[in-house]
N, C-alpha and C. Protein backbone atom coordinates (compact mmCIF):
# COMPACT_ATOMS: atom_id res chain seq x y z
N MET A 1 -62.00 -37.61 30.37
CA MET A 1 -61.47 -36.32 30.01
C MET A 1 -60.62 -36.48 28.75
N ASN A 2 -60.81 -35.60 27.78
CA ASN A 2 -60.03 -35.74 26.56
C ASN A 2 -58.60 -35.25 26.76
N LYS A 3 -57.71 -35.58 25.81
CA LYS A 3 -56.29 -35.26 25.94
C LYS A 3 -56.03 -33.76 26.02
N LYS A 4 -56.80 -32.97 25.27
CA LYS A 4 -56.62 -31.52 25.28
C LYS A 4 -56.79 -30.97 26.69
N TRP A 5 -57.86 -31.36 27.36
CA TRP A 5 -58.11 -30.85 28.71
C TRP A 5 -57.14 -31.43 29.71
N SER A 6 -56.67 -32.64 29.51
CA SER A 6 -55.68 -33.22 30.41
C SER A 6 -54.40 -32.41 30.37
N ARG A 7 -53.96 -32.00 29.17
CA ARG A 7 -52.75 -31.19 29.05
C ARG A 7 -52.94 -29.83 29.70
N MET A 8 -54.11 -29.22 29.50
CA MET A 8 -54.37 -27.92 30.10
C MET A 8 -54.41 -28.02 31.61
N ALA A 9 -55.03 -29.05 32.13
CA ALA A 9 -55.08 -29.22 33.58
C ALA A 9 -53.68 -29.42 34.13
N ALA A 10 -52.86 -30.16 33.44
CA ALA A 10 -51.49 -30.38 33.88
C ALA A 10 -50.73 -29.06 33.95
N ALA A 11 -50.95 -28.19 32.97
CA ALA A 11 -50.28 -26.89 32.98
C ALA A 11 -50.72 -26.06 34.18
N CYS A 12 -52.01 -26.07 34.47
CA CYS A 12 -52.49 -25.31 35.61
C CYS A 12 -52.03 -25.92 36.93
N ILE A 13 -51.95 -27.22 37.00
CA ILE A 13 -51.45 -27.85 38.21
C ILE A 13 -50.01 -27.44 38.44
N ALA A 14 -49.23 -27.34 37.38
CA ALA A 14 -47.85 -26.88 37.51
C ALA A 14 -47.83 -25.46 38.04
N VAL A 15 -48.72 -24.59 37.53
CA VAL A 15 -48.80 -23.22 38.02
C VAL A 15 -49.13 -23.22 39.50
N ALA A 16 -50.06 -24.06 39.89
CA ALA A 16 -50.52 -24.08 41.27
C ALA A 16 -49.46 -24.55 42.25
N THR A 17 -48.48 -25.30 41.80
CA THR A 17 -47.49 -25.85 42.72
C THR A 17 -46.20 -25.04 42.81
N ILE A 18 -46.10 -23.92 42.09
CA ILE A 18 -44.91 -23.09 42.18
C ILE A 18 -44.69 -22.66 43.62
N GLY A 19 -43.47 -22.73 44.07
CA GLY A 19 -43.13 -22.25 45.40
C GLY A 19 -43.46 -23.22 46.50
N MET A 20 -43.94 -24.40 46.21
CA MET A 20 -44.35 -25.32 47.26
C MET A 20 -43.20 -26.15 47.82
N GLY A 21 -42.10 -26.29 47.09
CA GLY A 21 -40.99 -27.11 47.57
C GLY A 21 -40.51 -26.70 48.95
N PRO A 22 -40.15 -25.43 49.18
CA PRO A 22 -39.67 -25.01 50.49
C PRO A 22 -40.73 -25.20 51.59
N ALA A 23 -41.98 -24.93 51.27
CA ALA A 23 -43.04 -25.08 52.27
C ALA A 23 -43.18 -26.54 52.70
N LEU A 24 -43.19 -27.46 51.74
CA LEU A 24 -43.33 -28.88 52.07
C LEU A 24 -42.11 -29.39 52.81
N ALA A 25 -40.93 -28.88 52.47
CA ALA A 25 -39.70 -29.31 53.13
C ALA A 25 -39.69 -28.87 54.59
N ASN A 26 -40.41 -27.80 54.92
CA ASN A 26 -40.46 -27.29 56.29
C ASN A 26 -41.60 -27.89 57.09
N GLY A 27 -42.18 -28.98 56.63
CA GLY A 27 -43.18 -29.70 57.39
C GLY A 27 -44.59 -29.16 57.29
N GLN A 28 -44.86 -28.29 56.35
CA GLN A 28 -46.21 -27.79 56.21
C GLN A 28 -47.09 -28.86 55.57
N LYS A 29 -48.40 -28.60 55.59
CA LYS A 29 -49.37 -29.56 55.06
C LYS A 29 -49.08 -29.94 53.62
N GLU A 30 -49.52 -31.14 53.27
CA GLU A 30 -49.37 -31.60 51.89
C GLU A 30 -50.19 -30.71 50.97
N TYR A 31 -49.62 -30.41 49.83
CA TYR A 31 -50.29 -29.56 48.85
C TYR A 31 -51.09 -30.41 47.87
N PRO A 32 -52.26 -29.99 47.51
CA PRO A 32 -53.03 -28.88 48.07
C PRO A 32 -53.90 -29.36 49.21
N SER A 33 -54.06 -28.50 50.18
CA SER A 33 -54.90 -28.86 51.32
C SER A 33 -55.99 -27.83 51.58
N GLU A 34 -56.07 -26.81 50.72
CA GLU A 34 -57.09 -25.78 50.89
C GLU A 34 -57.50 -25.23 49.52
N THR A 35 -58.46 -24.35 49.52
CA THR A 35 -58.99 -23.76 48.30
C THR A 35 -57.90 -23.04 47.51
N ILE A 36 -57.92 -23.25 46.20
CA ILE A 36 -57.02 -22.54 45.29
C ILE A 36 -57.82 -21.41 44.65
N ASN A 37 -57.29 -20.21 44.72
CA ASN A 37 -57.93 -19.03 44.12
C ASN A 37 -57.36 -18.83 42.73
N PHE A 38 -58.24 -18.89 41.74
CA PHE A 38 -57.86 -18.76 40.34
C PHE A 38 -58.30 -17.37 39.87
N ILE A 39 -57.36 -16.45 39.77
CA ILE A 39 -57.66 -15.07 39.40
C ILE A 39 -57.80 -14.98 37.88
N VAL A 40 -58.92 -14.44 37.45
CA VAL A 40 -59.24 -14.33 36.03
C VAL A 40 -59.20 -12.86 35.64
N HIS A 41 -58.44 -12.53 34.60
CA HIS A 41 -58.25 -11.14 34.20
C HIS A 41 -59.43 -10.55 33.44
N ALA A 42 -60.38 -11.37 33.04
CA ALA A 42 -61.47 -10.91 32.18
C ALA A 42 -62.82 -11.03 32.89
N ALA A 43 -63.80 -10.32 32.37
CA ALA A 43 -65.15 -10.35 32.94
C ALA A 43 -65.80 -11.71 32.73
N ALA A 44 -66.72 -12.03 33.60
CA ALA A 44 -67.45 -13.29 33.51
C ALA A 44 -68.23 -13.35 32.20
N GLY A 45 -68.20 -14.54 31.58
CA GLY A 45 -69.00 -14.78 30.40
C GLY A 45 -68.25 -14.81 29.09
N GLY A 46 -67.06 -14.23 29.04
CA GLY A 46 -66.30 -14.22 27.79
C GLY A 46 -65.45 -15.46 27.62
N GLY A 47 -64.67 -15.48 26.56
CA GLY A 47 -63.84 -16.63 26.24
C GLY A 47 -62.77 -16.92 27.28
N SER A 48 -62.09 -15.89 27.78
CA SER A 48 -61.04 -16.10 28.78
C SER A 48 -61.64 -16.61 30.09
N ASP A 49 -62.76 -16.07 30.48
CA ASP A 49 -63.44 -16.52 31.70
C ASP A 49 -63.91 -17.96 31.54
N SER A 50 -64.49 -18.29 30.41
CA SER A 50 -64.96 -19.66 30.18
C SER A 50 -63.82 -20.66 30.23
N MET A 51 -62.69 -20.31 29.61
CA MET A 51 -61.52 -21.18 29.64
C MET A 51 -61.05 -21.39 31.06
N ALA A 52 -60.96 -20.31 31.84
CA ALA A 52 -60.49 -20.41 33.22
C ALA A 52 -61.43 -21.28 34.05
N ARG A 53 -62.72 -21.13 33.86
CA ARG A 53 -63.67 -21.92 34.65
C ARG A 53 -63.61 -23.41 34.27
N GLN A 54 -63.39 -23.69 33.01
CA GLN A 54 -63.24 -25.09 32.60
C GLN A 54 -61.96 -25.68 33.20
N LEU A 55 -60.88 -24.92 33.18
CA LEU A 55 -59.64 -25.38 33.79
C LEU A 55 -59.80 -25.57 35.30
N ALA A 56 -60.50 -24.64 35.93
CA ALA A 56 -60.73 -24.75 37.37
C ALA A 56 -61.50 -26.03 37.70
N ASN A 57 -62.49 -26.36 36.89
CA ASN A 57 -63.26 -27.60 37.12
C ASN A 57 -62.37 -28.83 36.99
N VAL A 58 -61.51 -28.86 35.98
CA VAL A 58 -60.61 -29.99 35.79
C VAL A 58 -59.63 -30.08 36.96
N MET A 59 -59.07 -28.95 37.34
CA MET A 59 -58.13 -28.93 38.47
C MET A 59 -58.80 -29.42 39.75
N GLN A 60 -60.01 -28.94 40.00
CA GLN A 60 -60.74 -29.31 41.21
C GLN A 60 -60.94 -30.82 41.26
N LYS A 61 -61.33 -31.41 40.15
CA LYS A 61 -61.53 -32.86 40.11
C LYS A 61 -60.24 -33.61 40.35
N ASN A 62 -59.13 -33.12 39.77
CA ASN A 62 -57.85 -33.81 39.88
C ASN A 62 -57.14 -33.56 41.22
N LEU A 63 -57.33 -32.40 41.80
CA LEU A 63 -56.62 -32.06 43.03
C LEU A 63 -57.43 -32.36 44.29
N GLY A 64 -58.75 -32.45 44.16
CA GLY A 64 -59.58 -32.77 45.31
C GLY A 64 -59.81 -31.62 46.27
N VAL A 65 -59.55 -30.39 45.84
CA VAL A 65 -59.84 -29.20 46.64
C VAL A 65 -60.60 -28.22 45.76
N PRO A 66 -61.36 -27.31 46.38
CA PRO A 66 -62.06 -26.32 45.58
C PRO A 66 -61.07 -25.41 44.83
N VAL A 67 -61.41 -25.10 43.58
CA VAL A 67 -60.66 -24.14 42.78
C VAL A 67 -61.67 -23.08 42.37
N VAL A 68 -61.55 -21.90 42.95
CA VAL A 68 -62.56 -20.85 42.82
C VAL A 68 -62.05 -19.73 41.92
N CYS A 69 -62.82 -19.43 40.88
CA CYS A 69 -62.47 -18.32 39.98
C CYS A 69 -62.90 -17.00 40.59
N ASP A 70 -62.01 -16.01 40.51
CA ASP A 70 -62.26 -14.68 41.02
C ASP A 70 -61.90 -13.69 39.91
N ASN A 71 -62.89 -13.06 39.34
CA ASN A 71 -62.67 -12.13 38.24
C ASN A 71 -62.22 -10.78 38.78
N LYS A 72 -61.02 -10.38 38.39
CA LYS A 72 -60.48 -9.06 38.75
C LYS A 72 -60.17 -8.36 37.43
N VAL A 73 -61.15 -7.61 36.95
CA VAL A 73 -61.08 -7.06 35.60
C VAL A 73 -60.54 -5.64 35.59
N GLY A 74 -60.06 -5.25 34.43
CA GLY A 74 -59.65 -3.87 34.21
C GLY A 74 -58.20 -3.73 33.82
N ALA A 75 -57.91 -2.59 33.22
CA ALA A 75 -56.54 -2.21 32.85
C ALA A 75 -55.88 -3.27 31.98
N SER A 76 -56.63 -3.82 31.04
CA SER A 76 -56.12 -4.82 30.09
C SER A 76 -55.49 -6.02 30.79
N GLY A 77 -56.06 -6.41 31.91
CA GLY A 77 -55.58 -7.58 32.65
C GLY A 77 -54.57 -7.24 33.72
N SER A 78 -54.12 -5.99 33.77
CA SER A 78 -53.08 -5.59 34.71
C SER A 78 -53.50 -5.71 36.17
N ILE A 79 -54.75 -5.44 36.47
CA ILE A 79 -55.23 -5.51 37.85
C ILE A 79 -55.09 -6.94 38.36
N ALA A 80 -55.53 -7.89 37.57
CA ALA A 80 -55.44 -9.30 37.97
C ALA A 80 -53.99 -9.74 38.08
N MET A 81 -53.18 -9.40 37.10
CA MET A 81 -51.79 -9.84 37.11
C MET A 81 -51.00 -9.20 38.25
N LYS A 82 -51.28 -7.96 38.58
CA LYS A 82 -50.62 -7.30 39.72
C LYS A 82 -51.02 -8.02 41.01
N TYR A 83 -52.29 -8.39 41.12
CA TYR A 83 -52.76 -9.12 42.30
C TYR A 83 -52.02 -10.45 42.44
N VAL A 84 -51.90 -11.18 41.34
CA VAL A 84 -51.20 -12.47 41.36
C VAL A 84 -49.73 -12.26 41.71
N SER A 85 -49.10 -11.26 41.11
CA SER A 85 -47.67 -11.04 41.34
C SER A 85 -47.36 -10.66 42.78
N LYS A 86 -48.30 -10.04 43.48
CA LYS A 86 -48.10 -9.62 44.86
C LYS A 86 -48.57 -10.67 45.87
N SER A 87 -49.17 -11.76 45.39
CA SER A 87 -49.67 -12.81 46.28
C SER A 87 -48.52 -13.68 46.78
N LYS A 88 -48.75 -14.32 47.90
CA LYS A 88 -47.78 -15.24 48.46
C LYS A 88 -47.55 -16.38 47.46
N PRO A 89 -46.30 -16.73 47.15
CA PRO A 89 -46.03 -17.77 46.15
C PRO A 89 -46.15 -19.18 46.73
N ASP A 90 -47.35 -19.50 47.20
CA ASP A 90 -47.56 -20.79 47.87
C ASP A 90 -48.41 -21.76 47.07
N GLY A 91 -48.77 -21.38 45.84
CA GLY A 91 -49.57 -22.27 45.00
C GLY A 91 -51.06 -22.13 45.20
N TYR A 92 -51.49 -21.25 46.08
CA TYR A 92 -52.93 -21.11 46.35
C TYR A 92 -53.55 -19.90 45.65
N THR A 93 -52.74 -19.09 45.00
CA THR A 93 -53.24 -18.01 44.15
C THR A 93 -52.54 -18.15 42.82
N ILE A 94 -53.33 -18.42 41.79
CA ILE A 94 -52.83 -18.54 40.43
C ILE A 94 -53.68 -17.63 39.55
N GLY A 95 -53.32 -17.47 38.30
CA GLY A 95 -54.12 -16.59 37.47
C GLY A 95 -53.90 -16.80 36.00
N THR A 96 -54.80 -16.23 35.23
CA THR A 96 -54.67 -16.21 33.79
C THR A 96 -53.90 -14.94 33.42
N ALA A 97 -53.17 -15.00 32.34
CA ALA A 97 -52.40 -13.84 31.89
C ALA A 97 -52.78 -13.52 30.44
N PRO A 98 -53.30 -12.34 30.20
CA PRO A 98 -53.64 -11.98 28.82
C PRO A 98 -52.39 -11.60 28.05
N CYS A 99 -52.49 -11.65 26.74
CA CYS A 99 -51.33 -11.27 25.91
C CYS A 99 -50.96 -9.81 26.14
N GLU A 100 -51.89 -9.00 26.60
CA GLU A 100 -51.60 -7.59 26.86
C GLU A 100 -50.53 -7.41 27.94
N LEU A 101 -50.31 -8.44 28.75
CA LEU A 101 -49.27 -8.36 29.77
C LEU A 101 -47.92 -8.02 29.15
N SER A 102 -47.73 -8.40 27.90
CA SER A 102 -46.45 -8.14 27.23
C SER A 102 -46.28 -6.69 26.81
N MET A 103 -47.34 -5.88 26.86
CA MET A 103 -47.21 -4.53 26.33
C MET A 103 -47.70 -3.40 27.23
N VAL A 104 -48.47 -3.68 28.27
CA VAL A 104 -49.04 -2.58 29.07
C VAL A 104 -47.99 -1.73 29.76
N ASN A 105 -46.88 -2.33 30.18
CA ASN A 105 -45.83 -1.56 30.82
C ASN A 105 -45.15 -0.64 29.81
N ALA A 106 -44.82 -1.17 28.64
CA ALA A 106 -44.15 -0.36 27.61
C ALA A 106 -45.03 0.79 27.15
N LEU A 107 -46.35 0.60 27.17
CA LEU A 107 -47.27 1.66 26.77
C LEU A 107 -47.52 2.67 27.90
N GLY A 108 -47.03 2.36 29.10
CA GLY A 108 -47.22 3.26 30.23
C GLY A 108 -48.58 3.13 30.89
N TYR A 109 -49.31 2.04 30.61
CA TYR A 109 -50.65 1.87 31.18
C TYR A 109 -50.64 1.21 32.55
N ALA A 110 -49.62 0.44 32.85
CA ALA A 110 -49.58 -0.28 34.13
C ALA A 110 -48.15 -0.63 34.49
N ASP A 111 -47.91 -0.73 35.77
CA ASP A 111 -46.58 -1.07 36.27
C ASP A 111 -46.48 -2.57 36.50
N ILE A 112 -46.62 -3.34 35.45
CA ILE A 112 -46.45 -4.79 35.53
C ILE A 112 -45.90 -5.27 34.19
N LYS A 113 -45.06 -6.27 34.28
CA LYS A 113 -44.47 -6.83 33.06
C LYS A 113 -44.36 -8.34 33.20
N PRO A 114 -44.12 -9.04 32.11
CA PRO A 114 -44.09 -10.51 32.16
C PRO A 114 -43.15 -11.08 33.21
N ASP A 115 -42.02 -10.41 33.48
CA ASP A 115 -41.07 -10.91 34.47
C ASP A 115 -41.61 -10.87 35.90
N ASP A 116 -42.73 -10.18 36.12
CA ASP A 116 -43.31 -10.08 37.47
C ASP A 116 -44.11 -11.31 37.87
N VAL A 117 -44.37 -12.19 36.94
CA VAL A 117 -45.10 -13.43 37.21
C VAL A 117 -44.36 -14.58 36.54
N GLU A 118 -44.66 -15.78 36.96
CA GLU A 118 -44.07 -16.98 36.35
C GLU A 118 -45.06 -17.51 35.32
N LEU A 119 -44.71 -17.40 34.06
CA LEU A 119 -45.58 -17.86 32.98
C LEU A 119 -45.18 -19.29 32.63
N LEU A 120 -46.11 -20.22 32.80
CA LEU A 120 -45.77 -21.63 32.63
C LEU A 120 -46.38 -22.32 31.43
N GLY A 121 -47.42 -21.79 30.88
CA GLY A 121 -48.04 -22.50 29.76
C GLY A 121 -49.11 -21.68 29.10
N CYS A 122 -49.56 -22.18 27.99
CA CYS A 122 -50.62 -21.54 27.22
C CYS A 122 -51.82 -22.47 27.17
N ALA A 123 -52.95 -22.00 27.64
CA ALA A 123 -54.16 -22.81 27.67
C ALA A 123 -55.12 -22.44 26.54
N GLN A 124 -54.92 -21.28 25.93
CA GLN A 124 -55.83 -20.89 24.85
C GLN A 124 -55.13 -19.89 23.95
N THR A 125 -55.52 -19.89 22.72
CA THR A 125 -55.08 -18.86 21.78
C THR A 125 -56.30 -18.38 21.01
N TRP A 126 -56.26 -17.15 20.62
CA TRP A 126 -57.35 -16.56 19.83
C TRP A 126 -56.74 -15.99 18.55
N ALA A 127 -57.38 -16.25 17.46
CA ALA A 127 -56.94 -15.67 16.19
C ALA A 127 -57.45 -14.23 16.13
N SER A 128 -56.57 -13.34 15.74
CA SER A 128 -56.97 -11.95 15.54
C SER A 128 -57.39 -11.77 14.09
N CYS A 129 -58.32 -10.87 13.87
CA CYS A 129 -58.76 -10.65 12.50
C CYS A 129 -59.22 -9.22 12.33
N LEU A 130 -59.29 -8.82 11.12
CA LEU A 130 -59.80 -7.51 10.75
C LEU A 130 -61.03 -7.76 9.89
N THR A 131 -62.16 -7.22 10.30
CA THR A 131 -63.38 -7.36 9.50
C THR A 131 -63.79 -5.99 9.00
N VAL A 132 -64.28 -5.97 7.79
CA VAL A 132 -64.69 -4.71 7.16
C VAL A 132 -66.00 -4.96 6.42
N PRO A 133 -66.72 -3.90 6.10
CA PRO A 133 -67.94 -4.08 5.32
C PRO A 133 -67.64 -4.72 3.96
N ALA A 134 -68.55 -5.50 3.45
CA ALA A 134 -68.35 -6.19 2.18
C ALA A 134 -68.12 -5.21 1.03
N ASP A 135 -68.70 -4.02 1.13
CA ASP A 135 -68.56 -3.06 0.04
C ASP A 135 -67.43 -2.04 0.29
N ALA A 136 -66.50 -2.37 1.20
CA ALA A 136 -65.38 -1.46 1.50
C ALA A 136 -64.52 -1.27 0.26
N PRO A 137 -63.85 -0.11 0.14
CA PRO A 137 -63.03 0.16 -1.05
C PRO A 137 -61.64 -0.48 -1.00
N TYR A 138 -61.48 -1.52 -0.20
CA TYR A 138 -60.20 -2.23 -0.11
C TYR A 138 -60.47 -3.72 0.03
N ASN A 139 -59.55 -4.53 -0.49
CA ASN A 139 -59.71 -5.98 -0.46
C ASN A 139 -58.55 -6.70 0.22
N THR A 140 -57.48 -5.98 0.50
CA THR A 140 -56.33 -6.59 1.17
C THR A 140 -55.95 -5.72 2.36
N PHE A 141 -55.15 -6.27 3.23
CA PHE A 141 -54.70 -5.50 4.39
C PHE A 141 -53.89 -4.29 3.95
N GLN A 142 -53.02 -4.46 2.97
CA GLN A 142 -52.22 -3.34 2.49
C GLN A 142 -53.10 -2.25 1.90
N GLU A 143 -54.15 -2.63 1.15
CA GLU A 143 -55.08 -1.63 0.61
C GLU A 143 -55.79 -0.89 1.75
N PHE A 144 -56.10 -1.60 2.81
CA PHE A 144 -56.73 -0.98 3.98
C PHE A 144 -55.79 0.05 4.60
N ILE A 145 -54.52 -0.32 4.80
CA ILE A 145 -53.54 0.60 5.38
C ILE A 145 -53.39 1.83 4.48
N ASP A 146 -53.27 1.60 3.19
CA ASP A 146 -53.14 2.71 2.24
C ASP A 146 -54.36 3.63 2.31
N PHE A 147 -55.55 3.06 2.41
CA PHE A 147 -56.78 3.86 2.51
C PHE A 147 -56.75 4.71 3.79
N CYS A 148 -56.35 4.10 4.90
CA CYS A 148 -56.29 4.83 6.17
C CYS A 148 -55.32 6.00 6.09
N LYS A 149 -54.17 5.77 5.48
CA LYS A 149 -53.17 6.85 5.34
C LYS A 149 -53.68 7.97 4.45
N ALA A 150 -54.41 7.61 3.41
CA ALA A 150 -54.93 8.61 2.47
C ALA A 150 -56.17 9.31 3.00
N ASN A 151 -56.82 8.74 4.02
CA ASN A 151 -58.08 9.28 4.55
C ASN A 151 -58.05 9.37 6.07
N PRO A 152 -57.16 10.18 6.64
CA PRO A 152 -57.06 10.25 8.10
C PRO A 152 -58.39 10.64 8.75
N GLY A 153 -58.72 9.93 9.82
CA GLY A 153 -59.93 10.22 10.57
C GLY A 153 -61.21 9.65 10.00
N LYS A 154 -61.17 8.96 8.88
CA LYS A 154 -62.38 8.44 8.25
C LYS A 154 -62.68 6.99 8.62
N VAL A 155 -61.72 6.30 9.21
CA VAL A 155 -61.92 4.89 9.57
C VAL A 155 -62.12 4.78 11.07
N ILE A 156 -63.16 4.09 11.48
CA ILE A 156 -63.44 3.87 12.89
C ILE A 156 -63.07 2.42 13.22
N VAL A 157 -62.31 2.25 14.29
CA VAL A 157 -61.85 0.93 14.69
C VAL A 157 -62.42 0.60 16.06
N GLY A 158 -62.90 -0.62 16.23
CA GLY A 158 -63.37 -1.09 17.53
C GLY A 158 -62.45 -2.15 18.04
N ASN A 159 -62.16 -2.13 19.34
CA ASN A 159 -61.34 -3.17 19.96
C ASN A 159 -61.77 -3.34 21.41
N SER A 160 -60.98 -4.05 22.19
CA SER A 160 -61.33 -4.33 23.57
C SER A 160 -61.03 -3.20 24.53
N GLY A 161 -60.43 -2.14 24.05
CA GLY A 161 -60.17 -0.99 24.90
C GLY A 161 -58.70 -0.58 24.89
N THR A 162 -58.44 0.57 25.47
CA THR A 162 -57.09 1.12 25.53
C THR A 162 -56.14 0.11 26.15
N GLY A 163 -55.04 -0.15 25.49
CA GLY A 163 -54.03 -1.05 26.01
C GLY A 163 -54.25 -2.50 25.64
N SER A 164 -55.33 -2.81 24.97
CA SER A 164 -55.59 -4.19 24.58
C SER A 164 -55.23 -4.39 23.13
N ILE A 165 -55.18 -5.65 22.72
CA ILE A 165 -54.83 -5.89 21.34
C ILE A 165 -55.99 -5.58 20.42
């Protein structure tokens, strides 16, 4: 296993063990002793899902228990994060958190905020970009903004949906 995946697996293992101290101190089974449910905020097949499945495979090999991905999509990741936040904090339900978690509450789209979950690490980052036709009448971001202001309703923007980046 390369160093990059070792670090990512370590981060997920840390996520999986949150809340286990009191349980182990009370004589419960050694952790982990059962399937870990890895809640994925995105649909199967995309970048976030692929990252989660790769992490789940690494965790499964290192922990010796099944790590099963469960895609709970919708509401810019809020459905998955709400599910994780309401789960028993025993290390057997973990999840991915999209960057939208930082804004969906402020936008009024969902009743969840970063403080509702324990964020322990970053396993992936995506560069954001703006793409335009080659023959567009602007060459810089500022020229694009100026064009939009001067031409309301003439620019069509595509993104991942309401509440997403």
